Amino acid sequence: MSQKLARTLSFKKTAELVISTENIYQQANGFKPQPFDTHDIELTEAMKPLIESLAKNTHNVWAKEKIKRGWTFGLNEFVDATQKRTPHLVPYEQVDERIKEANREGAKENLKVLQLFGIFLEPPVHEHDEIAEKEIAALKSHQRTYRAEATYTVTTGKWYFEFEVLTEGFMRIGWMDVSAAPDTSLGVDDKSYGFDGHLVKKWHLGAESYGKEWKKGDIVGCFLDLNDRTISFSLNGDLVLDPSGSEMAFDNVVPTDGFVPAMTLSAGMKAKLNFGQDSNSLKYFTTCGLQEGYEPFCVNMYRQMPMWYGKQMPDFSEINPASRMEITRVPPTGNSPPCLKVTQKVTTSDSGSFEKAKMEFIRLSLPVKCNDTFNRSK
């Protein structure tokens, strides 16, 4: 009798527990929320970016509606007949983490409910434009332009040299008129022409798609035909074609003061130039240069041709003709760096005595180039 009573009491307690658990969301007015049962559905990690986007959109929709109703940002949330303030009218990134988490949970539930109805959303695909990324990195890189000495200019004839790629990175090779500014990158003005196998472009007053990508060890042949006024390039002995199928990279090439070989390299890039002092050392000259009447650029020369580079230097001008201060630039030596020498002029009066020195304070302004991002020193 006692065991039966104990089992009965145990059953009643269990039933009461179930009833109380089921009615935990029951409201006094009889309303009981009944959301879809999604506890068996799991979302993959790949859906996290979509969940975050939906959570952010939920906040923006809420904020838009609040502003439409006359709400404004305030440090404290206070509502009366004339004032509507909320501290949550801020960008999603600044929202309280608890609100973000609530929005994420809502987004998750919506995605799960869609799956219950047989609607499956694919994870968002983040396109990775490698070409655009490569181009941005190349244009931001530090560059230096080298060109042959001006005494080697040519204004007539057909000329050829080779450029061997030793590193994979941003480089341009081609021809430049010596009237161009010495620190101008190859192909950005109207006086130079270049081929860039890293970005697969040709350069003259900007860039256009051209050729195919080069790789380490490839050899580029550079052709200058001043009789027909054209410039062409080859890659490992095969003439490079433009999108229309033409072998000419540039036409209507007219020298101003004369052309010389030139190249623009980004930091850390290496290449080997062969101007053909020994024509037998040119790897592809007999294949696509000799038969067309081209000559090695340094044919019959026994010494190496100097290559010069230009860089921006500070420009000094007179402060004031009436100033007593003189500033002169002292060039660098083997033991000291370049510097500025500041001296003061001394004048004598009619009586022959020296005038008292008049102090002048002058600020020297120099250009400063900053990185795009802050690099904290160790």
Protein backbone atom coordinates (compact mmCIF):
# COMPACT_ATOMS: atom_id res chain seq x y z
CA MET A 1 0.00 0.00 0.00
CA SER A 2 2.81 2.42 0.84
CA GLN A 3 4.76 1.53 -2.36
CA LYS A 4 1.66 2.21 -4.48
CA LEU A 5 1.13 5.56 -2.78
CA ALA A 6 4.78 6.47 -3.32
CA ARG A 7 4.51 5.67 -7.06
CA THR A 8 1.35 7.76 -7.29
CA LEU A 9 2.96 10.74 -5.60
CA SER A 10 6.00 10.40 -7.86
CA PHE A 11 3.78 10.35 -10.94
CA LYS A 12 1.91 13.46 -9.75
CA LYS A 13 5.17 15.36 -9.19
CA THR A 14 6.42 14.40 -12.64
CA ALA A 15 3.18 15.49 -14.24
CA GLU A 16 3.22 18.79 -12.37
CA LEU A 17 6.79 19.38 -13.54
CA VAL A 18 5.83 18.73 -17.16
CA ILE A 19 2.79 20.95 -16.90
CA SER A 20 4.75 23.79 -15.30
CA THR A 21 7.49 23.49 -17.98
CA GLU A 22 4.97 23.54 -20.81
CA ASN A 23 3.21 26.57 -19.35
CA ILE A 24 6.34 28.60 -18.61
CA TYR A 25 5.61 30.91 -21.58
CA GLN A 26 1.86 31.02 -20.88
CA GLN A 27 0.65 34.60 -20.33
CA ALA A 28 -2.13 35.62 -17.96
CA ASN A 29 -4.34 36.50 -20.94
CA GLY A 30 -3.92 33.01 -22.34
CA PHE A 31 -1.38 33.84 -25.04
CA LYS A 32 1.41 31.33 -25.47
CA PRO A 33 4.10 31.86 -28.15
CA GLN A 34 4.56 28.84 -30.38
CA PRO A 35 7.60 29.30 -32.63
CA PHE A 36 8.63 26.67 -35.18
CA ASP A 37 10.68 23.85 -33.72
CA THR A 38 14.15 24.32 -35.24
CA HIS A 39 16.31 22.73 -32.56
CA ASP A 40 17.36 19.89 -34.90
CA ILE A 41 18.67 22.26 -37.57
CA GLU A 42 22.31 23.35 -37.43
CA LEU A 43 23.83 26.13 -39.54
CA THR A 44 27.35 25.75 -40.91
CA GLU A 45 30.26 28.06 -40.13
CA ALA A 46 30.09 29.32 -43.71
CA MET A 47 26.75 31.00 -42.89
CA LYS A 48 28.28 33.31 -40.29
CA PRO A 49 28.92 36.21 -42.72
CA LEU A 50 25.29 36.03 -43.87
CA ILE A 51 24.05 35.91 -40.26
CA GLU A 52 26.15 38.98 -39.43
CA SER A 53 24.83 40.85 -42.47
CA LEU A 54 21.23 40.07 -41.52
CA ALA A 55 21.86 41.15 -37.93
CA LYS A 56 23.32 44.43 -39.14
CA ASN A 57 20.38 44.96 -41.48
CA THR A 58 17.95 44.34 -38.60
CA HIS A 59 19.60 47.11 -36.62
CA ASN A 60 19.54 49.50 -39.58
CA VAL A 61 15.83 48.82 -40.26
CA TRP A 62 15.04 49.42 -36.58
CA ALA A 63 17.10 52.63 -36.52
CA LYS A 64 15.46 53.92 -39.70
CA GLU A 65 11.99 53.36 -38.24
CA LYS A 66 12.98 55.05 -34.97
CA ILE A 67 14.30 58.13 -36.77
CA LYS A 68 11.16 58.20 -38.92
CA ARG A 69 9.11 58.41 -35.72
CA GLY A 70 11.12 61.35 -34.42
CA TRP A 71 13.65 59.59 -32.23
CA THR A 72 17.20 60.98 -31.92
CA PHE A 73 20.41 59.87 -30.30
CA GLY A 74 20.82 60.53 -26.60
CA LEU A 75 23.06 59.22 -23.86
CA ASN A 76 20.06 58.17 -21.79
CA GLU A 77 16.82 56.68 -23.01
CA PHE A 78 14.06 59.02 -21.88
CA VAL A 79 10.57 59.38 -23.25
CA ASP A 80 7.96 61.99 -22.47
CA ALA A 81 5.46 64.03 -24.43
CA THR A 82 8.16 66.13 -26.14
CA GLN A 83 11.37 64.12 -26.02
CA LYS A 84 12.44 60.83 -27.61
CA ARG A 85 16.03 59.74 -26.97
CA THR A 86 17.87 56.44 -27.30
CA PRO A 87 21.58 55.60 -26.98
CA HIS A 88 21.23 52.86 -29.60
CA LEU A 89 20.96 55.13 -32.66
CA VAL A 90 24.58 54.48 -33.55
CA PRO A 91 26.35 52.49 -36.28
CA TYR A 92 26.03 48.74 -35.89
CA GLU A 93 29.71 48.41 -35.02
CA GLN A 94 29.13 50.58 -31.92
CA VAL A 95 25.96 48.85 -30.75
CA ASP A 96 25.94 47.06 -27.40
CA GLU A 97 27.09 43.45 -27.79
CA ARG A 98 23.88 42.14 -26.18
CA ILE A 99 21.80 43.77 -28.93
CA LYS A 100 24.10 42.36 -31.60
CA GLU A 101 23.74 38.88 -30.15
CA ALA A 102 19.94 39.20 -30.04
CA ASN A 103 19.92 40.27 -33.70
CA ARG A 104 22.17 37.33 -34.61
CA GLU A 105 19.85 34.88 -32.85
CA GLY A 106 16.90 36.30 -34.74
CA ALA A 107 18.77 35.95 -38.04
CA LYS A 108 19.69 32.35 -37.23
CA GLU A 109 16.07 31.46 -36.45
CA ASN A 110 14.88 32.97 -39.72
CA LEU A 111 17.41 30.93 -41.70
CA LYS A 112 16.43 27.76 -39.85
CA VAL A 113 12.72 28.34 -40.51
CA LEU A 114 13.48 28.75 -44.22
CA GLN A 115 15.16 25.34 -44.17
CA LEU A 116 12.09 23.84 -42.52
CA PHE A 117 10.13 24.94 -45.58
CA GLY A 118 12.74 23.48 -47.91
CA ILE A 119 14.44 26.76 -48.77
CA PHE A 120 18.22 26.50 -48.46
CA LEU A 121 20.37 29.59 -48.90
CA GLU A 122 23.90 29.14 -50.16
CA PRO A 123 26.70 30.71 -48.09
CA PRO A 124 27.76 34.05 -49.56
CA VAL A 125 30.66 33.84 -51.98
CA HIS A 126 33.30 36.47 -51.35
CA GLU A 127 34.84 37.18 -54.72
CA HIS A 128 38.57 37.57 -54.59
CA ASP A 129 39.71 39.69 -57.52
CA GLU A 130 43.36 38.70 -57.70
CA ILE A 131 44.00 40.85 -60.77
CA ALA A 132 42.67 44.01 -59.11
CA GLU A 133 44.55 43.21 -55.91
CA LYS A 134 47.78 42.69 -57.86
CA GLU A 135 47.31 45.96 -59.73
CA ILE A 136 46.67 47.95 -56.55
CA ALA A 137 49.76 46.46 -54.90
CA ALA A 138 51.87 47.26 -57.97
CA LEU A 139 50.74 50.87 -58.18
CA LYS A 140 51.38 51.39 -54.47
CA SER A 141 54.88 49.90 -54.61
CA HIS A 142 58.02 52.02 -54.53
CA GLN A 143 59.38 52.30 -58.07
CA ARG A 144 62.49 53.55 -59.80
CA THR A 145 63.04 54.19 -63.50
CA TYR A 146 66.35 53.47 -65.21
CA ARG A 147 67.30 54.56 -68.70
CA ALA A 148 70.40 54.52 -70.86
CA GLU A 149 72.75 57.49 -70.97
CA ALA A 150 71.54 60.28 -73.26
CA THR A 151 74.64 60.02 -75.48
CA TYR A 152 73.30 56.67 -76.75
CA THR A 153 70.07 58.06 -78.22
CA VAL A 154 68.84 56.81 -81.58
CA THR A 155 66.58 58.66 -84.02
CA THR A 156 66.76 56.32 -87.01
CA GLY A 157 67.18 52.62 -87.67
CA LYS A 158 65.83 49.38 -86.21
CA TRP A 159 67.08 48.33 -82.78
CA TYR A 160 66.77 45.33 -80.46
CA PHE A 161 67.74 44.30 -76.92
CA GLU A 162 66.67 41.61 -74.44
CA PHE A 163 65.33 41.72 -70.89
CA GLU A 164 65.52 38.60 -68.72
CA VAL A 165 63.02 38.32 -65.84
CA LEU A 166 64.83 37.28 -62.64
CA THR A 167 62.07 37.91 -60.10
CA GLU A 168 58.28 37.74 -60.26
CA GLY A 169 56.85 41.17 -59.61
CA PHE A 170 55.97 44.55 -61.05
CA MET A 171 58.36 45.66 -63.81
CA ARG A 172 58.09 47.51 -67.13
CA ILE A 173 60.53 47.38 -70.00
CA GLY A 174 60.65 49.44 -73.19
CA TRP A 175 61.84 52.66 -74.72
CA MET A 176 61.93 56.27 -73.52
CA ASP A 177 62.67 59.56 -75.24
CA VAL A 178 65.43 61.40 -73.38
CA SER A 179 63.26 64.53 -73.35
CA ALA A 180 61.07 62.85 -70.72
CA ALA A 181 61.51 63.81 -67.08
CA PRO A 182 64.14 61.48 -65.55
CA ASP A 183 61.95 60.41 -62.62
CA THR A 184 58.89 59.60 -64.76
CA SER A 185 57.73 55.99 -64.68
CA LEU A 186 57.92 54.23 -68.01
CA GLY A 187 54.72 54.55 -70.05
CA VAL A 188 52.81 57.08 -67.96
CA ASP A 189 53.58 60.01 -70.28
CA ASP A 190 53.61 60.57 -74.04
CA LYS A 191 57.36 60.10 -74.39
CA SER A 192 57.80 56.49 -73.29
CA TYR A 193 56.48 53.05 -74.21
CA GLY A 194 56.63 49.88 -72.14
CA PHE A 195 55.48 46.29 -71.68
CA ASP A 196 54.50 44.92 -68.27
CA GLY A 197 54.21 41.14 -68.13
CA HIS A 198 53.29 41.17 -64.43
CA LEU A 199 49.98 42.97 -64.94
CA VAL A 200 49.84 41.88 -68.62
CA LYS A 201 49.58 45.42 -69.98
CA LYS A 202 51.29 47.81 -72.34
CA TRP A 203 51.99 51.33 -71.12
CA HIS A 204 51.79 54.65 -72.97
CA LEU A 205 49.77 57.48 -71.46
CA GLY A 206 48.30 54.81 -69.23
CA ALA A 207 47.80 51.06 -69.50
CA GLU A 208 45.96 48.71 -71.86
CA SER A 209 45.61 44.91 -71.86
CA TYR A 210 48.39 43.35 -73.88
CA GLY A 211 50.25 40.08 -74.25
CA LYS A 212 50.46 37.35 -71.65
CA GLU A 213 51.96 37.00 -68.20
CA TRP A 214 55.69 36.44 -67.93
CA LYS A 215 57.41 34.31 -65.33
CA LYS A 216 60.85 34.00 -63.82
CA GLY A 217 63.44 33.06 -66.45
CA ASP A 218 61.46 34.43 -69.41
CA ILE A 219 63.22 36.67 -71.92
CA VAL A 220 61.51 39.70 -73.43
CA GLY A 221 62.71 41.04 -76.76
CA CYS A 222 62.29 44.80 -77.26
CA PHE A 223 62.01 46.08 -80.85
CA LEU A 224 62.22 49.73 -81.96
CA ASP A 225 61.60 50.42 -85.65
CA LEU A 226 62.12 54.11 -86.35
CA ASN A 227 61.74 53.56 -90.09
CA ASP A 228 58.12 52.40 -89.76
CA ARG A 229 57.71 54.16 -86.39
CA THR A 230 56.60 51.08 -84.46
CA ILE A 231 57.49 49.30 -81.20
CA SER A 232 57.00 45.57 -80.66
CA PHE A 233 57.86 42.97 -78.03
CA SER A 234 58.52 39.25 -78.00
CA LEU A 235 58.35 36.68 -75.22
CA ASN A 236 60.77 33.77 -75.45
CA GLY A 237 61.11 34.28 -79.18
CA ASP A 238 57.40 34.63 -80.02
CA LEU A 239 56.07 38.05 -80.98
CA VAL A 240 53.52 39.34 -78.48
CA LEU A 241 50.14 40.11 -80.04
CA ASP A 242 47.63 42.73 -78.94
CA PRO A 243 43.92 41.86 -78.50
CA SER A 244 43.29 42.59 -82.20
CA GLY A 245 46.03 40.18 -83.29
CA SER A 246 48.51 42.85 -84.37
CA GLU A 247 52.24 42.30 -83.81
CA MET A 248 52.72 46.03 -83.19
CA ALA A 249 52.39 47.19 -79.60
CA PHE A 250 52.64 50.87 -80.59
CA ASP A 251 52.64 52.78 -83.87
CA ASN A 252 53.20 56.42 -84.86
CA VAL A 253 56.27 56.46 -82.62
CA VAL A 254 58.10 59.72 -83.35
CA PRO A 255 61.32 60.65 -81.50
CA THR A 256 61.76 64.11 -80.02
CA ASP A 257 65.36 64.06 -78.81
CA GLY A 258 65.94 60.35 -79.40
CA PHE A 259 65.06 57.02 -77.78
CA VAL A 260 67.05 54.90 -75.34
CA PRO A 261 66.22 51.62 -73.56
CA ALA A 262 64.43 52.16 -70.25
CA MET A 263 62.81 50.16 -67.47
CA THR A 264 60.79 50.78 -64.31
CA LEU A 265 61.27 48.36 -61.42
CA SER A 266 59.44 48.12 -58.12
CA ALA A 267 61.40 47.58 -54.92
CA GLY A 268 63.19 44.24 -54.71
CA MET A 269 62.78 43.33 -58.39
CA LYS A 270 65.70 42.04 -60.47
CA ALA A 271 66.26 41.72 -64.19
CA LYS A 272 69.16 41.22 -66.60
CA LEU A 273 69.63 43.44 -69.64
CA ASN A 274 71.50 42.30 -72.74
CA PHE A 275 72.14 45.09 -75.26
CA GLY A 276 74.07 42.86 -77.64
CA GLN A 277 77.70 43.93 -77.34
CA ASP A 278 78.18 40.30 -78.28
CA SER A 279 75.33 39.50 -80.63
CA ASN A 280 75.84 35.78 -80.08
CA SER A 281 74.81 36.24 -76.43
CA LEU A 282 71.32 37.37 -77.50
CA LYS A 283 69.15 34.30 -77.13
CA TYR A 284 66.34 35.06 -79.59
CA PHE A 285 67.86 37.70 -81.89
CA THR A 286 68.39 35.32 -84.80
CA THR A 287 64.85 33.99 -84.41
CA CYS A 288 62.82 37.17 -84.71
CA GLY A 289 65.21 40.11 -84.99
CA LEU A 290 67.99 39.53 -87.46
CA GLN A 291 65.76 38.44 -90.32
CA GLU A 292 63.67 41.62 -90.05
CA GLY A 293 66.73 43.88 -90.27
CA TYR A 294 67.09 44.82 -86.59
CA GLU A 295 70.48 45.45 -84.99
CA PRO A 296 71.57 44.89 -81.40
CA PHE A 297 71.38 48.21 -79.58
CA CYS A 298 75.04 48.13 -78.52
CA VAL A 299 76.45 46.40 -81.60
CA ASN A 300 80.23 46.82 -82.00
CA MET A 301 80.56 48.38 -78.52
CA TYR A 302 83.14 46.98 -76.13
CA ARG A 303 82.16 48.66 -72.87
CA GLN A 304 78.95 48.47 -70.88
CA MET A 305 76.38 51.18 -71.52
CA PRO A 306 75.68 53.27 -68.37
CA MET A 307 72.14 53.24 -67.01
CA TRP A 308 70.96 56.28 -65.05
CA TYR A 309 68.03 56.70 -62.71
CA GLY A 310 66.24 59.79 -61.49
CA LYS A 311 64.70 60.57 -58.14
CA GLN A 312 63.03 63.57 -56.64
CA MET A 313 65.42 65.97 -54.94
CA PRO A 314 64.63 68.94 -52.70
CA ASP A 315 64.40 72.24 -54.53
CA PHE A 316 65.96 75.22 -52.78
CA SER A 317 65.01 78.80 -53.50
CA GLU A 318 65.91 82.18 -52.07
CA ILE A 319 64.10 83.03 -48.85
CA ASN A 320 64.20 86.76 -49.32
CA PRO A 321 66.73 88.84 -51.24
CA ALA A 322 66.89 91.28 -48.31
CA SER A 323 67.57 88.55 -45.76
CA ARG A 324 70.95 88.37 -44.07
CA MET A 325 70.76 84.60 -43.93
CA GLU A 326 72.34 82.38 -46.53
CA ILE A 327 71.51 78.71 -46.89
CA THR A 328 73.74 76.51 -49.00
CA ARG A 329 73.58 72.77 -49.63
CA VAL A 330 76.67 70.81 -48.71
CA PRO A 331 76.90 67.64 -50.81
CA PRO A 332 77.66 64.29 -49.15
CA THR A 333 81.16 62.95 -48.77
CA GLY A 334 82.52 59.54 -47.94
CA ASN A 335 82.35 60.29 -44.23
CA SER A 336 79.35 62.61 -43.87
CA PRO A 337 75.78 62.82 -45.20
CA PRO A 338 74.45 65.85 -47.13
CA CYS A 339 73.50 68.83 -44.99
CA LEU A 340 72.47 72.47 -45.07
CA LYS A 341 74.83 75.22 -44.04
CA VAL A 342 73.19 78.33 -42.56
CA THR A 343 75.33 81.48 -42.42
CA GLN A 344 74.62 85.10 -41.58
CA LYS A 345 75.79 88.03 -43.62
CA VAL A 346 77.79 90.69 -41.72
CA THR A 347 77.68 94.32 -42.89
CA THR A 348 79.56 97.38 -41.72
CA SER A 349 78.15 100.82 -41.07
CA ASP A 350 79.50 104.10 -42.47
CA SER A 351 81.68 104.54 -39.38
CA GLY A 352 83.39 101.27 -40.11
CA SER A 353 82.07 99.43 -37.08
CA PHE A 354 80.26 96.13 -37.43
CA GLU A 355 76.54 96.18 -36.92
CA LYS A 356 75.06 94.02 -34.22
CA ALA A 357 73.92 90.62 -35.35
CA LYS A 358 70.24 90.38 -36.02
CA MET A 359 68.85 86.94 -35.21
CA GLU A 360 66.43 85.39 -37.66
CA PHE A 361 64.48 82.18 -37.13
CA ILE A 362 63.79 80.22 -40.28
CA ARG A 363 61.82 76.99 -40.58
CA LEU A 364 63.02 74.49 -43.14
CA SER A 365 60.09 72.61 -44.68
CA LEU A 366 60.72 69.19 -46.19
CA PRO A 367 58.15 66.81 -47.75
CA VAL A 368 57.04 63.92 -45.56
CA LYS A 369 55.54 60.74 -47.00
CA CYS A 370 53.43 58.60 -44.66
CA ASN A 371 52.43 54.97 -44.94
CA ASP A 372 48.80 54.09 -45.57
CA THR A 373 48.70 52.19 -42.28
CA PHE A 374 50.29 52.89 -38.92
CA ASN A 375 53.18 50.56 -38.14
CA ARG A 376 53.88 50.45 -34.44
CA SER A 377 57.60 50.30 -33.67
CA LYS A 378 58.84 47.57 -31.37
